[in-house]
Amino acid sequence: MTDPLLDLVREYRHQIEVFNASPPDMTAEEDDELVALTWGPHYERLCTAPPDATTLEGAVEAIRLIRWEEERCGSQPDLTINVLHAALAFFDEGRGE
């Protein structure tokens, strides 16, 4: 069974790795362009319309992502609230029983 939230979290993390492997001497414009091509669209979806978790693994990985983002970047209420809502959907729908 696939989990769209788990897939999104994994792709977001992968795209962050791609971005972090970029040359350190990029201009601000190049940096912005690379964000738009890598992790930016995935971050936007996580902040605005993440799909509900359909597996326990997806729910847990989403919560881990929130912890990691909060430790790394600080307060991001859109990401935190929306991803938590998507993760909790797994439990609220009784799938965790």
PDB file of N, CA and C in Angstrom:
ATOM      1  N   MET A   1       0.844  -1.183   0.000  1.00  0.00           N
ATOM      2  CA  MET A   1       0.000   0.000   0.000  1.00  0.00           C
ATOM      3  C   MET A   1       0.891   1.249   0.000  1.00  0.00           C
ATOM      4  N   THR A   2       0.587   2.167  -0.856  1.00  0.00           N
ATOM      5  CA  THR A   2       1.346   3.410  -0.875  1.00  0.00           C
ATOM      6  C   THR A   2       0.684   4.423   0.043  1.00  0.00           C
ATOM      7  N   ASP A   3       1.472   5.351   0.492  1.00  0.00           N
ATOM      8  CA  ASP A   3       0.998   6.405   1.376  1.00  0.00           C
ATOM      9  C   ASP A   3       1.430   7.730   0.763  1.00  0.00           C
ATOM     10  N   PRO A   4       0.498   8.548   0.318  1.00  0.00           N
ATOM     11  CA  PRO A   4       0.877   9.790  -0.346  1.00  0.00           C
ATOM     12  C   PRO A   4       1.623  10.770   0.558  1.00  0.00           C
ATOM     13  N   LEU A   5       1.324  10.770   1.848  1.00  0.00           N
ATOM     14  CA  LEU A   5       2.055  11.661   2.752  1.00  0.00           C
ATOM     15  C   LEU A   5       3.488  11.167   2.929  1.00  0.00           C
ATOM     16  N   LEU A   6       3.657   9.878   3.097  1.00  0.00           N
ATOM     17  CA  LEU A   6       5.001   9.311   3.213  1.00  0.00           C
ATOM     18  C   LEU A   6       5.809   9.596   1.951  1.00  0.00           C
ATOM     19  N   ASP A   7       5.191   9.427   0.789  1.00  0.00           N
ATOM     20  CA  ASP A   7       5.887   9.718  -0.465  1.00  0.00           C
ATOM     21  C   ASP A   7       6.303  11.179  -0.541  1.00  0.00           C
ATOM     22  N   LEU A   8       5.429  12.082  -0.123  1.00  0.00           N
ATOM     23  CA  LEU A   8       5.738  13.515  -0.145  1.00  0.00           C
ATOM     24  C   LEU A   8       6.869  13.849   0.821  1.00  0.00           C
ATOM     25  N   VAL A   9       6.825  13.307   2.015  1.00  0.00           N
ATOM     26  CA  VAL A   9       7.883  13.556   3.004  1.00  0.00           C
ATOM     27  C   VAL A   9       9.221  13.046   2.482  1.00  0.00           C
ATOM     28  N   ARG A  10       9.234  11.851   1.932  1.00  0.00           N
ATOM     29  CA  ARG A  10      10.483  11.285   1.400  1.00  0.00           C
ATOM     30  C   ARG A  10      11.030  12.123   0.244  1.00  0.00           C
ATOM     31  N   GLU A  11      10.157  12.553  -0.656  1.00  0.00           N
ATOM     32  CA  GLU A  11      10.610  13.357  -1.796  1.00  0.00           C
ATOM     33  C   GLU A  11      11.112  14.722  -1.322  1.00  0.00           C
ATOM     34  N   TYR A  12      10.449  15.310  -0.368  1.00  0.00           N
ATOM     35  CA  TYR A  12      10.898  16.587   0.205  1.00  0.00           C
ATOM     36  C   TYR A  12      12.298  16.445   0.791  1.00  0.00           C
ATOM     37  N   ARG A  13      12.512  15.396   1.580  1.00  0.00           N
ATOM     38  CA  ARG A  13      13.835  15.166   2.166  1.00  0.00           C
ATOM     39  C   ARG A  13      14.885  14.932   1.082  1.00  0.00           C
ATOM     40  N   HIS A  14      14.538  14.169   0.063  1.00  0.00           N
ATOM     41  CA  HIS A  14      15.469  13.913  -1.038  1.00  0.00           C
ATOM     42  C   HIS A  14      15.836  15.223  -1.736  1.00  0.00           C
ATOM     43  N   GLN A  15      14.853  16.053  -1.993  1.00  0.00           N
ATOM     44  CA  GLN A  15      15.115  17.313  -2.681  1.00  0.00           C
ATOM     45  C   GLN A  15      15.939  18.271  -1.823  1.00  0.00           C
ATOM     46  N   ILE A  16      15.806  18.199  -0.523  1.00  0.00           N
ATOM     47  CA  ILE A  16      16.673  18.995   0.356  1.00  0.00           C
ATOM     48  C   ILE A  16      18.117  18.524   0.206  1.00  0.00           C
ATOM     49  N   GLU A  17      18.309  17.216   0.125  1.00  0.00           N
ATOM     50  CA  GLU A  17      19.665  16.680  -0.082  1.00  0.00           C
ATOM     51  C   GLU A  17      20.237  17.153  -1.414  1.00  0.00           C
ATOM     52  N   VAL A  18      19.424  17.148  -2.456  1.00  0.00           N
ATOM     53  CA  VAL A  18      19.869  17.635  -3.765  1.00  0.00           C
ATOM     54  C   VAL A  18      20.269  19.103  -3.650  1.00  0.00           C
ATOM     55  N   PHE A  19      19.437  19.885  -3.012  1.00  0.00           N
ATOM     56  CA  PHE A  19      19.730  21.306  -2.831  1.00  0.00           C
ATOM     57  C   PHE A  19      21.013  21.503  -2.031  1.00  0.00           C
ATOM     58  N   ASN A  20      21.171  20.766  -0.949  1.00  0.00           N
ATOM     59  CA  ASN A  20      22.347  20.919  -0.090  1.00  0.00           C
ATOM     60  C   ASN A  20      23.640  20.483  -0.767  1.00  0.00           C
ATOM     61  N   ALA A  21      23.530  19.705  -1.826  1.00  0.00           N
ATOM     62  CA  ALA A  21      24.718  19.268  -2.571  1.00  0.00           C
ATOM     63  C   ALA A  21      25.130  20.293  -3.630  1.00  0.00           C
ATOM     64  N   SER A  22      24.412  21.385  -3.722  1.00  0.00           N
ATOM     65  CA  SER A  22      24.714  22.402  -4.726  1.00  0.00           C
ATOM     66  C   SER A  22      25.981  23.165  -4.339  1.00  0.00           C
ATOM     67  N   PRO A  23      26.612  23.825  -5.317  1.00  0.00           N
ATOM     68  CA  PRO A  23      27.828  24.592  -5.037  1.00  0.00           C
ATOM     69  C   PRO A  23      27.570  25.708  -4.022  1.00  0.00           C
ATOM     70  N   PRO A  24      28.481  25.923  -3.110  1.00  0.00           N
ATOM     71  CA  PRO A  24      28.269  26.929  -2.075  1.00  0.00           C
ATOM     72  C   PRO A  24      28.381  28.373  -2.582  1.00  0.00           C
ATOM     73  N   ASP A  25      28.920  28.555  -3.779  1.00  0.00           N
ATOM     74  CA  ASP A  25      29.149  29.910  -4.278  1.00  0.00           C
ATOM     75  C   ASP A  25      28.048  30.399  -5.222  1.00  0.00           C
ATOM     76  N   MET A  26      26.868  29.847  -5.112  1.00  0.00           N
ATOM     77  CA  MET A  26      25.770  30.278  -5.970  1.00  0.00           C
ATOM     78  C   MET A  26      25.313  31.682  -5.576  1.00  0.00           C
ATOM     79  N   THR A  27      24.815  32.412  -6.558  1.00  0.00           N
ATOM     80  CA  THR A  27      24.240  33.724  -6.280  1.00  0.00           C
ATOM     81  C   THR A  27      22.881  33.535  -5.615  1.00  0.00           C
ATOM     82  N   ALA A  28      22.347  34.601  -5.064  1.00  0.00           N
ATOM     83  CA  ALA A  28      21.025  34.531  -4.444  1.00  0.00           C
ATOM     84  C   ALA A  28      19.980  34.140  -5.486  1.00  0.00           C
ATOM     85  N   GLU A  29      20.113  34.637  -6.689  1.00  0.00           N
ATOM     86  CA  GLU A  29      19.174  34.294  -7.757  1.00  0.00           C
ATOM     87  C   GLU A  29      19.263  32.806  -8.110  1.00  0.00           C
ATOM     88  N   GLU A  30      20.471  32.285  -8.215  1.00  0.00           N
ATOM     89  CA  GLU A  30      20.655  30.861  -8.504  1.00  0.00           C
ATOM     90  C   GLU A  30      20.098  30.010  -7.370  1.00  0.00           C
ATOM     91  N   ASP A  31      20.304  30.477  -6.153  1.00  0.00           N
ATOM     92  CA  ASP A  31      19.790  29.778  -4.980  1.00  0.00           C
ATOM     93  C   ASP A  31      18.261  29.711  -5.032  1.00  0.00           C
ATOM     94  N   ASP A  32      17.626  30.831  -5.328  1.00  0.00           N
ATOM     95  CA  ASP A  32      16.171  30.874  -5.418  1.00  0.00           C
ATOM     96  C   ASP A  32      15.652  29.954  -6.522  1.00  0.00           C
ATOM     97  N   GLU A  33      16.342  29.944  -7.653  1.00  0.00           N
ATOM     98  CA  GLU A  33      15.943  29.077  -8.756  1.00  0.00           C
ATOM     99  C   GLU A  33      16.053  27.606  -8.372  1.00  0.00           C
ATOM    100  N   LEU A  34      17.115  27.265  -7.654  1.00  0.00           N
ATOM    101  CA  LEU A  34      17.294  25.878  -7.249  1.00  0.00           C
ATOM    102  C   LEU A  34      16.248  25.461  -6.218  1.00  0.00           C
ATOM    103  N   VAL A  35      15.896  26.362  -5.317  1.00  0.00           N
ATOM    104  CA  VAL A  35      14.819  26.068  -4.365  1.00  0.00           C
ATOM    105  C   VAL A  35      13.541  25.735  -5.125  1.00  0.00           C
ATOM    106  N   ALA A  36      13.225  26.531  -6.137  1.00  0.00           N
ATOM    107  CA  ALA A  36      12.009  26.319  -6.923  1.00  0.00           C
ATOM    108  C   ALA A  36      12.030  24.999  -7.690  1.00  0.00           C
ATOM    109  N   LEU A  37      13.226  24.522  -8.004  1.00  0.00           N
ATOM    110  CA  LEU A  37      13.359  23.271  -8.754  1.00  0.00           C
ATOM    111  C   LEU A  37      13.493  22.038  -7.860  1.00  0.00           C
ATOM    112  N   THR A  38      13.792  22.249  -6.585  1.00  0.00           N
ATOM    113  CA  THR A  38      14.044  21.107  -5.702  1.00  0.00           C
ATOM    114  C   THR A  38      12.993  21.045  -4.595  1.00  0.00           C
ATOM    115  N   TRP A  39      13.318  21.500  -3.420  1.00  0.00           N
ATOM    116  CA  TRP A  39      12.444  21.284  -2.275  1.00  0.00           C
ATOM    117  C   TRP A  39      11.290  22.269  -2.155  1.00  0.00           C
ATOM    118  N   GLY A  40      11.366  23.403  -2.818  1.00  0.00           N
ATOM    119  CA  GLY A  40      10.355  24.443  -2.659  1.00  0.00           C
ATOM    120  C   GLY A  40       8.919  23.997  -2.901  1.00  0.00           C
ATOM    121  N   PRO A  41       8.617  23.361  -4.042  1.00  0.00           N
ATOM    122  CA  PRO A  41       7.239  22.944  -4.281  1.00  0.00           C
ATOM    123  C   PRO A  41       6.723  21.917  -3.267  1.00  0.00           C
ATOM    124  N   HIS A  42       7.589  21.058  -2.798  1.00  0.00           N
ATOM    125  CA  HIS A  42       7.198  20.044  -1.812  1.00  0.00           C
ATOM    126  C   HIS A  42       6.923  20.697  -0.460  1.00  0.00           C
ATOM    127  N   TYR A  43       7.755  21.670  -0.103  1.00  0.00           N
ATOM    128  CA  TYR A  43       7.536  22.414   1.132  1.00  0.00           C
ATOM    129  C   TYR A  43       6.194  23.140   1.072  1.00  0.00           C
ATOM    130  N   GLU A  44       5.927  23.776  -0.057  1.00  0.00           N
ATOM    131  CA  GLU A  44       4.661  24.499  -0.223  1.00  0.00           C
ATOM    132  C   GLU A  44       3.473  23.570  -0.039  1.00  0.00           C
ATOM    133  N   ARG A  45       3.551  22.387  -0.620  1.00  0.00           N
ATOM    134  CA  ARG A  45       2.447  21.431  -0.478  1.00  0.00           C
ATOM    135  C   ARG A  45       2.312  20.963   0.967  1.00  0.00           C
ATOM    136  N   LEU A  46       3.429  20.734   1.633  1.00  0.00           N
ATOM    137  CA  LEU A  46       3.375  20.341   3.040  1.00  0.00           C
ATOM    138  C   LEU A  46       2.731  21.440   3.886  1.00  0.00           C
ATOM    139  N   CYS A  47       2.970  22.688   3.535  1.00  0.00           N
ATOM    140  CA  CYS A  47       2.421  23.818   4.294  1.00  0.00           C
ATOM    141  C   CYS A  47       0.962  24.107   3.976  1.00  0.00           C
ATOM    142  N   THR A  48       0.499  23.726   2.800  1.00  0.00           N
ATOM    143  CA  THR A  48      -0.847  24.133   2.394  1.00  0.00           C
ATOM    144  C   THR A  48      -1.830  22.983   2.213  1.00  0.00           C
ATOM    145  N   ALA A  49      -1.384  21.868   1.658  1.00  0.00           N
ATOM    146  CA  ALA A  49      -2.339  20.798   1.353  1.00  0.00           C
ATOM    147  C   ALA A  49      -1.685  19.425   1.357  1.00  0.00           C
ATOM    148  N   PRO A  50      -1.094  19.030   2.488  1.00  0.00           N
ATOM    149  CA  PRO A  50      -0.509  17.690   2.502  1.00  0.00           C
ATOM    150  C   PRO A  50      -1.604  16.630   2.479  1.00  0.00           C
ATOM    151  N   PRO A  51      -1.370  15.530   1.768  1.00  0.00           N
ATOM    152  CA  PRO A  51      -2.366  14.451   1.767  1.00  0.00           C
ATOM    153  C   PRO A  51      -2.371  13.741   3.119  1.00  0.00           C
ATOM    154  N   ASP A  52      -3.486  13.161   3.459  1.00  0.00           N
ATOM    155  CA  ASP A  52      -3.582  12.424   4.718  1.00  0.00           C
ATOM    156  C   ASP A  52      -2.705  11.173   4.678  1.00  0.00           C
ATOM    157  N   ALA A  53      -2.136  10.845   5.816  1.00  0.00           N
ATOM    158  CA  ALA A  53      -1.379   9.601   5.950  1.00  0.00           C
ATOM    159  C   ALA A  53      -2.336   8.420   5.840  1.00  0.00           C
ATOM    160  N   THR A  54      -1.891   7.393   5.150  1.00  0.00           N
ATOM    161  CA  THR A  54      -2.715   6.183   5.027  1.00  0.00           C
ATOM    162  C   THR A  54      -2.051   4.976   5.674  1.00  0.00           C
ATOM    163  N   THR A  55      -0.831   5.177   6.207  1.00  0.00           N
ATOM    164  CA  THR A  55      -0.115   4.107   6.896  1.00  0.00           C
ATOM    165  C   THR A  55       0.475   4.647   8.188  1.00  0.00           C
ATOM    166  N   LEU A  56       0.742   3.746   9.117  1.00  0.00           N
ATOM    167  CA  LEU A  56       1.400   4.144  10.356  1.00  0.00           C
ATOM    168  C   LEU A  56       2.768   4.738  10.046  1.00  0.00           C
ATOM    169  N   GLU A  57       3.501   4.127   9.123  1.00  0.00           N
ATOM    170  CA  GLU A  57       4.822   4.638   8.757  1.00  0.00           C
ATOM    171  C   GLU A  57       4.727   6.080   8.245  1.00  0.00           C
ATOM    172  N   GLY A  58       3.732   6.372   7.432  1.00  0.00           N
ATOM    173  CA  GLY A  58       3.553   7.722   6.917  1.00  0.00           C
ATOM    174  C   GLY A  58       3.254   8.718   8.021  1.00  0.00           C
ATOM    175  N   ALA A  59       2.385   8.343   8.951  1.00  0.00           N
ATOM    176  CA  ALA A  59       2.047   9.225  10.069  1.00  0.00           C
ATOM    177  C   ALA A  59       3.271   9.502  10.932  1.00  0.00           C
ATOM    178  N   VAL A  60       4.032   8.476  11.243  1.00  0.00           N
ATOM    179  CA  VAL A  60       5.214   8.634  12.085  1.00  0.00           C
ATOM    180  C   VAL A  60       6.288   9.461  11.380  1.00  0.00           C
ATOM    181  N   GLU A  61       6.523   9.202  10.105  1.00  0.00           N
ATOM    182  CA  GLU A  61       7.539   9.968   9.374  1.00  0.00           C
ATOM    183  C   GLU A  61       7.148  11.433   9.257  1.00  0.00           C
ATOM    184  N   ALA A  62       5.876  11.713   9.129  1.00  0.00           N
ATOM    185  CA  ALA A  62       5.414  13.099   9.076  1.00  0.00           C
ATOM    186  C   ALA A  62       5.695  13.799  10.405  1.00  0.00           C
ATOM    187  N   ILE A  63       5.458  13.120  11.502  1.00  0.00           N
ATOM    188  CA  ILE A  63       5.734  13.695  12.817  1.00  0.00           C
ATOM    189  C   ILE A  63       7.243  13.893  13.001  1.00  0.00           C
ATOM    190  N   ARG A  64       8.035  12.948  12.542  1.00  0.00           N
ATOM    191  CA  ARG A  64       9.494  13.110  12.603  1.00  0.00           C
ATOM    192  C   ARG A  64       9.951  14.317  11.779  1.00  0.00           C
ATOM    193  N   LEU A  65       9.325  14.504  10.632  1.00  0.00           N
ATOM    194  CA  LEU A  65       9.667  15.656   9.797  1.00  0.00           C
ATOM    195  C   LEU A  65       9.386  16.952  10.541  1.00  0.00           C
ATOM    196  N   ILE A  66       8.256  17.030  11.202  1.00  0.00           N
ATOM    197  CA  ILE A  66       7.922  18.237  11.961  1.00  0.00           C
ATOM    198  C   ILE A  66       8.965  18.495  13.036  1.00  0.00           C
ATOM    199  N   ARG A  67       9.342  17.450  13.751  1.00  0.00           N
ATOM    200  CA  ARG A  67      10.369  17.608  14.786  1.00  0.00           C
ATOM    201  C   ARG A  67      11.663  18.127  14.181  1.00  0.00           C
ATOM    202  N   TRP A  68      12.085  17.533  13.073  1.00  0.00           N
ATOM    203  CA  TRP A  68      13.326  17.926  12.404  1.00  0.00           C
ATOM    204  C   TRP A  68      13.251  19.377  11.930  1.00  0.00           C
ATOM    205  N   GLU A  69      12.150  19.758  11.318  1.00  0.00           N
ATOM    206  CA  GLU A  69      11.976  21.122  10.823  1.00  0.00           C
ATOM    207  C   GLU A  69      11.975  22.125  11.976  1.00  0.00           C
ATOM    208  N   GLU A  70      11.304  21.792  13.054  1.00  0.00           N
ATOM    209  CA  GLU A  70      11.263  22.709  14.198  1.00  0.00           C
ATOM    210  C   GLU A  70      12.641  22.869  14.829  1.00  0.00           C
ATOM    211  N   GLU A  71      13.394  21.787  14.918  1.00  0.00           N
ATOM    212  CA  GLU A  71      14.753  21.869  15.474  1.00  0.00           C
ATOM    213  C   GLU A  71      15.667  22.673  14.557  1.00  0.00           C
ATOM    214  N   ARG A  72      15.506  22.499  13.259  1.00  0.00           N
ATOM    215  CA  ARG A  72      16.387  23.104  12.268  1.00  0.00           C
ATOM    216  C   ARG A  72      16.010  24.542  11.937  1.00  0.00           C
ATOM    217  N   CYS A  73      14.722  24.814  11.811  1.00  0.00           N
ATOM    218  CA  CYS A  73      14.275  26.108  11.289  1.00  0.00           C
ATOM    219  C   CYS A  73      13.448  26.928  12.273  1.00  0.00           C
ATOM    220  N   GLY A  74      12.946  26.330  13.307  1.00  0.00           N
ATOM    221  CA  GLY A  74      12.120  27.067  14.248  1.00  0.00           C
ATOM    222  C   GLY A  74      10.657  27.071  13.856  1.00  0.00           C
ATOM    223  N   SER A  75       9.936  28.000  14.398  1.00  0.00           N
ATOM    224  CA  SER A  75       8.484  28.053  14.247  1.00  0.00           C
ATOM    225  C   SER A  75       8.046  28.177  12.789  1.00  0.00           C
ATOM    226  N   GLN A  76       7.299  27.178  12.355  1.00  0.00           N
ATOM    227  CA  GLN A  76       6.710  27.143  11.013  1.00  0.00           C
ATOM    228  C   GLN A  76       5.277  26.650  11.155  1.00  0.00           C
ATOM    229  N   PRO A  77       4.385  27.494  11.662  1.00  0.00           N
ATOM    230  CA  PRO A  77       3.044  27.006  11.997  1.00  0.00           C
ATOM    231  C   PRO A  77       2.283  26.376  10.834  1.00  0.00           C
ATOM    232  N   ASP A  78       2.439  26.891   9.627  1.00  0.00           N
ATOM    233  CA  ASP A  78       1.709  26.290   8.507  1.00  0.00           C
ATOM    234  C   ASP A  78       2.138  24.846   8.289  1.00  0.00           C
ATOM    235  N   LEU A  79       3.444  24.612   8.282  1.00  0.00           N
ATOM    236  CA  LEU A  79       3.951  23.256   8.119  1.00  0.00           C
ATOM    237  C   LEU A  79       3.521  22.387   9.296  1.00  0.00           C
ATOM    238  N   THR A  80       3.746  22.863  10.496  1.00  0.00           N
ATOM    239  CA  THR A  80       3.462  22.080  11.691  1.00  0.00           C
ATOM    240  C   THR A  80       1.990  21.695  11.783  1.00  0.00           C
ATOM    241  N   ILE A  81       1.117  22.653  11.656  1.00  0.00           N
ATOM    242  CA  ILE A  81      -0.313  22.387  11.820  1.00  0.00           C
ATOM    243  C   ILE A  81      -0.833  21.483  10.711  1.00  0.00           C
ATOM    244  N   ASN A  82      -0.495  21.791   9.474  1.00  0.00           N
ATOM    245  CA  ASN A  82      -1.045  21.018   8.358  1.00  0.00           C
ATOM    246  C   ASN A  82      -0.485  19.602   8.281  1.00  0.00           C
ATOM    247  N   VAL A  83       0.789  19.437   8.544  1.00  0.00           N
ATOM    248  CA  VAL A  83       1.364  18.093   8.501  1.00  0.00           C
ATOM    249  C   VAL A  83       0.883  17.271   9.698  1.00  0.00           C
ATOM    250  N   LEU A  84       0.774  17.889  10.855  1.00  0.00           N
ATOM    251  CA  LEU A  84       0.213  17.161  12.003  1.00  0.00           C
ATOM    252  C   LEU A  84      -1.228  16.735  11.724  1.00  0.00           C
ATOM    253  N   HIS A  85      -1.989  17.603  11.142  1.00  0.00           N
ATOM    254  CA  HIS A  85      -3.373  17.262  10.784  1.00  0.00           C
ATOM    255  C   HIS A  85      -3.400  16.061   9.830  1.00  0.00           C
ATOM    256  N   ALA A  86      -2.519  16.079   8.832  1.00  0.00           N
ATOM    257  CA  ALA A  86      -2.462  14.976   7.866  1.00  0.00           C
ATOM    258  C   ALA A  86      -1.998  13.681   8.529  1.00  0.00           C
ATOM    259  N   ALA A  87      -1.046  13.782   9.458  1.00  0.00           N
ATOM    260  CA  ALA A  87      -0.568  12.592  10.167  1.00  0.00           C
ATOM    261  C   ALA A  87      -1.652  12.040  11.094  1.00  0.00           C
ATOM    262  N   LEU A  88      -2.327  12.927  11.795  1.00  0.00           N
ATOM    263  CA  LEU A  88      -3.366  12.483  12.728  1.00  0.00           C
ATOM    264  C   LEU A  88      -4.571  11.882  12.026  1.00  0.00           C
ATOM    265  N   ALA A  89      -4.759  12.202  10.770  1.00  0.00           N
ATOM    266  CA  ALA A  89      -5.878  11.623  10.018  1.00  0.00           C
ATOM    267  C   ALA A  89      -5.802  10.101  10.033  1.00  0.00           C
ATOM    268  N   PHE A  90      -4.596   9.566  10.020  1.00  0.00           N
ATOM    269  CA  PHE A  90      -4.427   8.113  10.071  1.00  0.00           C
ATOM    270  C   PHE A  90      -5.070   7.540  11.334  1.00  0.00           C
ATOM    271  N   PHE A  91      -4.836   8.201  12.461  1.00  0.00           N
ATOM    272  CA  PHE A  91      -5.369   7.725  13.733  1.00  0.00           C
ATOM    273  C   PHE A  91      -6.843   8.079  13.889  1.00  0.00           C
ATOM    274  N   ASP A  92      -7.215   9.294  13.449  1.00  0.00           N
ATOM    275  CA  ASP A  92      -8.602   9.728  13.583  1.00  0.00           C
ATOM    276  C   ASP A  92      -9.561   8.865  12.772  1.00  0.00           C
ATOM    277  N   GLU A  93      -9.079   8.301  11.695  1.00  0.00           N
ATOM    278  CA  GLU A  93      -9.911   7.437  10.866  1.00  0.00           C
ATOM    279  C   GLU A  93      -9.917   5.981  11.364  1.00  0.00           C
ATOM    280  N   GLY A  94      -9.290   5.750  12.511  1.00  0.00           N
ATOM    281  CA  GLY A  94      -9.294   4.420  13.107  1.00  0.00           C
ATOM    282  C   GLY A  94      -8.342   3.426  12.477  1.00  0.00           C
ATOM    283  N   ARG A  95      -7.445   3.904  11.640  1.00  0.00           N
ATOM    284  CA  ARG A  95      -6.513   2.994  10.984  1.00  0.00           C
ATOM    285  C   ARG A  95      -5.434   2.496  11.939  1.00  0.00           C
ATOM    286  N   GLY A  96      -5.182   3.228  13.007  1.00  0.00           N
ATOM    287  CA  GLY A  96      -4.131   2.850  13.932  1.00  0.00           C
ATOM    288  C   GLY A  96      -4.522   1.777  14.923  1.00  0.00           C
ATOM    289  N   GLU A  97      -5.743   1.301  14.839  1.00  0.00           N
ATOM    290  CA  GLU A  97      -6.208   0.294  15.802  1.00  0.00           C
ATOM    291  C   GLU A  97      -5.899  -1.101  15.330  1.00  0.00           C
TER     292      GLU A  97
END
